């Protein structure tokens, strides 16, 4: 699940143990990037994505960095399936803090090896984490307003901006079929206990209780959660093929 806007999360303490280099490197070797990936998987993160921010995006949000590493993790199934409550929110924050602690270790790994690396604060009000994620061409926003990566719809993430210029950025997004699939599904609209969708099917954030009580009903009913990305894509392809042959 995307954690942007979950206001019950406490700010992450500063866990850096290494300072940024004065003259940071800009090129990382394949071996060192592989070592970073091994460190990420060691702590049960789901994987990495990379955003190269456009000049328009940087101007819009008034930022001066452009290379971002996204550290993805999967929210625990037991936690997702708990009934909404303040207690659930507390447990969600504990999970958030646990994963966030390790992101500082990833930043220190990069700093130790000569690269600038700084955590983008996940609770910043003046910067859209999802907008940065979309710049990776590795995710889409679903009808229920969740950020979907191929790893799953219950993916949370942290981000580090860095001096590294040669990250494996994607130039095209092969997930742009998802909004079309969502328009044919509508399960999240039908099963939402708060009716947090307008007559036009658009998500109404002010009515959603996910950020206050940890409601996950739309996630639990979503085909991307129940079946996974690849199976839903296969189903969508079969549907489009039938439509084409009719």
Foldseek 3Di string as FASTA:
>chain_A
DECEPLVVADWADDPAPFDADPDFDAADDPVLVVVLQVLLVVLQWPGKFWFFDDPVQCVVLVHDFGIKIKTKHFDDPVLLPDDFAVVSSVVVNVVVNVSVNCVSVSQNSRRVVRKHKDWDTSHDPSDDPLVRVVNQLQWDQALQRFTDGQVFSRMYITMMTISHDPDPGDPHRPCVCRRVVRVVPCPLCVFPPQNQADPVSHGNVVSDCCSPGNNNRSRVRDCCNVPGDVVVVVVVVVVVVVVVVD
